[in-house]
Protein backbone atom coordinates (compact mmCIF):
# COMPACT_ATOMS: atom_id res chain seq x y z
CA MET A 1 -32.80 -14.56 -8.20
CA SER A 2 -31.21 -16.23 -5.22
CA ILE A 3 -27.98 -18.00 -4.68
CA SER A 4 -27.61 -20.83 -2.08
CA ILE A 5 -24.43 -21.19 -0.26
CA TRP A 6 -23.98 -24.59 1.46
CA SER A 7 -21.72 -25.27 4.36
CA ASN A 8 -20.32 -28.75 4.62
CA GLN A 9 -23.01 -30.09 2.27
CA ASN A 10 -25.55 -29.69 5.13
CA PRO A 11 -28.90 -28.13 3.95
CA LEU A 12 -29.63 -26.87 7.49
CA ASP A 13 -26.55 -24.60 7.30
CA ALA A 14 -27.56 -23.10 3.93
CA VAL A 15 -27.88 -19.35 3.48
CA VAL A 16 -29.91 -17.83 0.81
CA LEU A 17 -28.64 -14.52 -0.43
CA SER A 18 -30.58 -12.36 -2.76
CA HIS A 19 -28.99 -10.40 -5.67
CA ASP A 20 -30.03 -7.17 -3.96
CA TYR A 21 -28.34 -8.12 -0.79
CA ILE A 22 -25.16 -9.04 -2.49
CA SER A 23 -25.09 -5.87 -4.57
CA ALA A 24 -25.61 -3.73 -1.41
CA GLN A 25 -22.77 -5.52 0.33
CA VAL A 26 -20.45 -5.10 -2.71
CA GLU A 27 -21.24 -1.29 -2.76
CA LYS A 28 -20.79 -0.94 1.01
CA HIS A 29 -17.27 -2.65 0.78
CA GLU A 30 -16.30 -0.83 -2.39
CA GLN A 31 -17.06 2.53 -0.50
CA GLN A 32 -15.10 1.32 2.57
CA ILE A 33 -12.10 0.55 0.39
CA LYS A 34 -12.31 3.98 -1.30
CA ASP A 35 -12.54 5.67 2.04
CA LEU A 36 -9.49 3.60 3.39
CA ALA A 37 -7.46 4.51 0.24
CA ALA A 38 -8.24 8.20 0.70
CA HIS A 39 -7.20 8.04 4.33
CA LEU A 40 -4.03 6.33 3.50
CA LEU A 41 -3.21 8.91 0.79
CA GLU A 42 -3.77 11.67 3.18
CA PHE A 43 -1.65 10.05 5.82
CA LYS A 44 1.21 9.44 3.30
CA GLN A 45 1.04 13.06 2.24
CA SER A 46 1.23 14.25 5.92
CA ILE A 47 4.21 12.09 6.77
CA THR A 48 6.20 12.27 3.53
CA PRO A 49 7.81 15.72 4.20
CA THR A 50 9.03 14.56 7.57
CA MET A 51 10.59 11.49 6.06
CA GLU A 52 12.60 13.38 3.49
CA VAL A 53 16.11 13.47 4.83
CA LYS A 54 18.70 15.33 2.73
CA ARG A 55 21.57 13.04 2.18
CA ARG A 56 24.90 14.65 2.40
CA GLU A 57 27.84 13.40 0.61
CA TRP A 58 30.35 11.55 2.87
CA VAL A 59 33.49 13.68 3.74
CA GLY A 60 36.58 11.58 4.04
CA LEU A 61 40.00 12.37 5.24
CA THR A 62 42.20 14.66 3.00
CA GLU A 63 45.45 13.32 1.71
CA ASN A 64 47.36 15.30 4.16
CA GLU A 65 45.33 13.91 6.96
CA LYS A 66 45.93 10.39 5.70
CA VAL A 67 49.66 10.98 5.50
CA TYR A 68 49.64 12.48 9.00
CA SER A 69 47.87 9.37 10.34
CA ASN A 70 50.14 6.95 8.53
CA ARG A 71 53.35 8.78 9.54
CA ASN A 72 52.45 9.02 13.12
CA TYR A 73 50.73 5.68 13.74
CA LEU A 74 51.78 2.99 11.22
CA GLY A 75 54.51 0.59 12.41
CA LYS A 76 53.87 1.47 16.05
CA SER A 77 52.55 -0.55 18.87
CA ALA A 78 48.92 -1.63 19.02
CA GLU A 79 48.34 1.07 21.61
CA ALA A 80 49.64 3.67 19.31
CA TRP A 81 47.76 2.21 16.31
CA ASN A 82 44.45 2.41 18.36
CA GLY A 83 45.30 6.09 18.99
CA GLY A 84 45.54 6.58 15.31
CA VAL A 85 42.23 4.93 14.71
CA GLU A 86 40.65 7.07 17.47
CA TRP A 87 42.21 10.29 15.91
CA ALA A 88 40.74 9.29 12.47
CA GLU A 89 37.26 8.47 13.81
CA ALA A 90 37.17 11.77 15.67
CA LYS A 91 38.28 13.66 12.53
CA LEU A 92 35.54 11.95 10.43
CA LYS A 93 32.85 12.54 12.92
CA GLU A 94 33.86 16.21 13.06
CA LYS A 95 33.65 16.53 9.31
CA ASN A 96 30.42 14.53 8.84
CA LYS A 97 28.27 16.24 11.52
């Protein structure tokens, strides 16, 4: 059995494909897909351990540190307020290394 595939309705561009040829192509491509899937699975398994990052819980300021910051920097000039922000940022960075 043969199947004709016509391009633009032009008989000169026709390609006749046998059932055996089509079956061979399907098997070839199925095997290529299986091989690719196996390689992708192997790749995933090799990189997954390196991608696992242990998430730590965020550590915030203690109540005493918040009171210290508020007492020393609230109601002050913008320059002093910026100093309080910098102090809080530095404290948080230190706690969340």
